[in-house]
């Protein structure tokens, strides 16, 4: 881990940043570890273990940010509000180049996922919908799950941090976006 932020004043001035957001227990830290190629982020089966924004250097000219999960974490309301203030400060700084919005393909209609998409769109931040834990779906369920997710979120990149399925496609999309930003300035 390169840096950690628990309050808006702690946010480092790193650029460009690719952020991983989604509901608690959707697999943000596992996906981050797979993208980095090392077990850098702590993972847990218990929701709400990520309690700040944690930054990791990729070695490819950008940074990954692991954000607290939305939803199931059993934490005091005051702490949850602190996360919201931290997250708002993070997204309004102008250092976030791309957001990977992680969704669970077994719960494609989650209102929280839609709220995150609308929040980011309102800020003008580009995002990609990433369906995590794709390996947990049977082959016969995948087409229907993908169709549902695409209807709800537009395009979707199915991935599995466990098996590696879809990871290289996601890496290419990230590289393209970062390269596009580099050529604009």
Protein backbone atom coordinates (compact mmCIF):
# COMPACT_ATOMS: atom_id res chain seq x y z
CA UNK A 1 0.00 0.00 0.00
CA UNK A 2 1.29 3.40 -0.97
CA UNK A 3 -1.05 5.61 1.11
CA UNK A 4 -4.20 5.53 3.22
CA UNK A 5 -6.82 8.23 3.79
CA UNK A 6 -9.34 8.22 6.61
CA UNK A 7 -10.21 11.93 6.46
CA UNK A 8 -10.39 14.31 3.49
CA UNK A 9 -7.18 16.05 4.61
CA UNK A 10 -5.35 12.69 4.32
CA UNK A 11 -6.04 12.32 0.58
CA UNK A 12 -2.75 12.12 -1.35
CA UNK A 13 -2.21 14.12 -4.54
CA UNK A 14 -1.80 11.12 -6.85
CA UNK A 15 -2.81 11.13 -10.49
CA UNK A 16 -4.23 9.38 -12.41
CA UNK A 17 -6.32 7.24 -10.08
CA UNK A 18 -8.56 4.31 -10.98
CA UNK A 19 -11.05 3.76 -8.16
CA UNK A 20 -12.82 0.53 -7.22
CA UNK A 21 -16.29 1.08 -5.76
CA UNK A 22 -19.22 -1.16 -4.97
CA UNK A 23 -21.28 -2.73 -2.27
CA UNK A 24 -19.63 -4.31 0.73
CA UNK A 25 -18.42 -7.84 0.04
CA UNK A 26 -18.57 -7.50 -3.76
CA UNK A 27 -14.88 -8.32 -4.09
CA UNK A 28 -13.14 -4.94 -4.42
CA UNK A 29 -9.99 -5.93 -2.54
CA UNK A 30 -9.79 -9.32 -4.27
CA UNK A 31 -10.05 -7.70 -7.69
CA UNK A 32 -7.48 -5.07 -6.74
CA UNK A 33 -5.06 -7.83 -5.69
CA UNK A 34 -5.62 -9.64 -8.99
CA UNK A 35 -5.02 -6.45 -10.99
CA UNK A 36 -1.82 -5.77 -9.05
CA UNK A 37 -0.64 -9.36 -9.31
CA UNK A 38 0.14 -9.49 -5.56
CA UNK A 39 -1.87 -9.81 -2.36
CA UNK A 40 -1.47 -6.15 -1.38
CA UNK A 41 -4.99 -5.41 -0.10
CA UNK A 42 -6.47 -7.18 2.89
CA UNK A 43 -9.51 -9.31 2.02
CA UNK A 44 -12.23 -10.56 4.34
CA UNK A 45 -15.47 -12.48 4.13
CA UNK A 46 -16.93 -10.04 6.64
CA UNK A 47 -18.40 -6.86 5.07
CA UNK A 48 -17.03 -3.47 6.06
CA UNK A 49 -13.36 -4.25 6.58
CA UNK A 50 -12.16 -1.48 4.23
CA UNK A 51 -12.53 1.58 6.46
CA UNK A 52 -10.72 4.24 4.47
CA UNK A 53 -9.43 4.81 0.96
CA UNK A 54 -6.28 2.82 0.29
CA UNK A 55 -3.97 3.67 -2.61
CA UNK A 56 -1.73 1.26 -4.51
CA UNK A 57 0.86 1.93 -7.20
CA UNK A 58 0.42 -0.26 -10.28
CA UNK A 59 3.79 0.16 -11.94
CA UNK A 60 1.91 1.15 -15.11
CA UNK A 61 1.75 4.88 -14.51
CA UNK A 62 -1.48 5.00 -12.53
CA UNK A 63 -2.79 4.22 -9.06
CA UNK A 64 -5.61 2.01 -7.81
CA UNK A 65 -7.83 3.19 -4.95
CA UNK A 66 -9.83 0.74 -2.81
CA UNK A 67 -12.85 2.50 -1.27
CA UNK A 68 -15.10 1.48 1.62
CA UNK A 69 -18.03 -0.67 0.56
CA UNK A 70 -21.57 0.55 0.24
CA UNK A 71 -24.23 -1.23 2.23
CA UNK A 72 -23.90 -4.20 4.51
CA UNK A 73 -21.11 -3.12 6.86
CA UNK A 74 -22.20 -3.01 10.49
CA UNK A 75 -20.61 0.24 11.57
CA UNK A 76 -21.88 3.23 13.57
CA UNK A 77 -23.80 5.84 11.57
CA UNK A 78 -21.15 8.44 12.45
CA UNK A 79 -18.42 6.32 10.87
CA UNK A 80 -20.55 5.71 7.76
CA UNK A 81 -21.09 9.48 7.42
CA UNK A 82 -17.35 10.00 7.72
CA UNK A 83 -16.85 7.57 4.82
CA UNK A 84 -19.38 9.55 2.76
CA UNK A 85 -17.54 12.84 3.41
CA UNK A 86 -14.21 11.19 2.54
CA UNK A 87 -15.64 9.67 -0.64
CA UNK A 88 -17.20 12.98 -1.75
CA UNK A 89 -13.89 14.79 -1.22
CA UNK A 90 -12.06 12.06 -3.13
CA UNK A 91 -14.34 12.20 -6.17
CA UNK A 92 -14.48 16.00 -6.37
CA UNK A 93 -10.68 16.52 -6.32
CA UNK A 94 -10.22 15.85 -10.03
CA UNK A 95 -7.64 13.06 -9.68
CA UNK A 96 -9.97 10.15 -10.47
CA UNK A 97 -9.58 9.17 -14.10
CA UNK A 98 -11.81 6.11 -14.10
CA UNK A 99 -14.07 4.22 -11.71
CA UNK A 100 -14.58 0.49 -11.78
CA UNK A 101 -18.12 0.03 -10.47
CA UNK A 102 -18.20 -3.51 -9.11
CA UNK A 103 -21.53 -5.30 -9.12
CA UNK A 104 -22.59 -8.78 -8.08
CA UNK A 105 -24.12 -10.63 -11.05
CA UNK A 106 -26.28 -12.59 -8.60
CA UNK A 107 -27.96 -9.33 -7.45
CA UNK A 108 -28.24 -7.28 -10.67
CA UNK A 109 -31.00 -4.96 -9.50
CA UNK A 110 -29.33 -3.46 -6.43
CA UNK A 111 -30.45 0.14 -5.95
CA UNK A 112 -27.09 1.07 -4.43
CA UNK A 113 -25.34 0.18 -7.71
CA UNK A 114 -27.68 2.43 -9.66
CA UNK A 115 -27.19 5.26 -7.15
CA UNK A 116 -23.39 5.02 -7.54
CA UNK A 117 -23.65 5.10 -11.34
CA UNK A 118 -25.88 8.19 -11.21
CA UNK A 119 -23.64 9.93 -8.65
CA UNK A 120 -20.54 9.43 -10.81
CA UNK A 121 -22.35 10.49 -13.98
CA UNK A 122 -23.45 13.67 -12.20
CA UNK A 123 -19.80 14.42 -11.46
CA UNK A 124 -18.79 13.64 -15.05
CA UNK A 125 -16.55 10.73 -13.99
CA UNK A 126 -16.23 7.86 -16.45
CA UNK A 127 -17.01 4.42 -15.07
CA UNK A 128 -17.00 0.81 -16.19
CA UNK A 129 -19.41 -1.75 -14.78
CA UNK A 130 -17.49 -4.83 -13.65
CA UNK A 131 -19.42 -7.98 -12.76
CA UNK A 132 -17.31 -9.70 -10.10
CA UNK A 133 -17.40 -13.30 -8.91
CA UNK A 134 -18.34 -14.40 -12.44
CA UNK A 135 -16.94 -17.86 -11.67
CA UNK A 136 -19.76 -18.41 -9.19
CA UNK A 137 -22.34 -18.46 -11.97
CA UNK A 138 -23.11 -21.67 -13.81
CA UNK A 139 -22.50 -21.57 -17.56
CA UNK A 140 -26.27 -21.76 -18.07
CA UNK A 141 -26.79 -18.59 -15.93
CA UNK A 142 -24.18 -16.36 -17.54
CA UNK A 143 -26.03 -15.15 -20.64
CA UNK A 144 -29.13 -14.19 -18.67
CA UNK A 145 -27.07 -12.47 -15.96
CA UNK A 146 -25.08 -10.51 -18.53
CA UNK A 147 -28.24 -9.42 -20.36
CA UNK A 148 -29.81 -8.23 -17.09
CA UNK A 149 -26.69 -6.31 -16.09
CA UNK A 150 -26.33 -4.70 -19.51
CA UNK A 151 -29.98 -3.65 -19.47
CA UNK A 152 -29.47 -2.06 -16.06
CA UNK A 153 -25.95 -0.62 -16.43
CA UNK A 154 -25.02 -0.56 -20.12
CA UNK A 155 -21.84 -2.44 -21.03
CA UNK A 156 -20.41 -4.84 -18.48
CA UNK A 157 -17.05 -6.60 -18.05
CA UNK A 158 -17.47 -9.99 -16.34
CA UNK A 159 -14.45 -10.96 -14.20
CA UNK A 160 -13.31 -13.46 -11.64
CA UNK A 161 -10.53 -12.53 -9.24
CA UNK A 162 -10.33 -16.21 -8.33
CA UNK A 163 -9.93 -17.72 -11.80
CA UNK A 164 -8.55 -14.68 -13.63
CA UNK A 165 -11.36 -14.70 -16.19
CA UNK A 166 -11.82 -11.25 -17.77
CA UNK A 167 -8.88 -9.68 -15.90
CA UNK A 168 -6.74 -9.04 -18.98
CA UNK A 169 -9.72 -7.45 -20.78
CA UNK A 170 -10.22 -5.14 -17.81
CA UNK A 171 -6.50 -4.26 -17.71
CA UNK A 172 -6.62 -3.32 -21.41
CA UNK A 173 -9.65 -1.08 -20.84
CA UNK A 174 -7.86 0.66 -17.97
CA UNK A 175 -4.67 1.13 -20.03
CA UNK A 176 -6.67 2.57 -22.94
CA UNK A 177 -8.42 5.07 -20.69
CA UNK A 178 -5.18 6.16 -19.02
CA UNK A 179 -3.43 6.46 -22.40
CA UNK A 180 -6.35 8.49 -23.76
CA UNK A 181 -6.03 10.90 -20.83
CA UNK A 182 -2.27 11.20 -21.37
CA UNK A 183 -2.72 12.12 -25.03
CA UNK A 184 -5.26 14.85 -24.23
CA UNK A 185 -2.88 16.95 -22.15
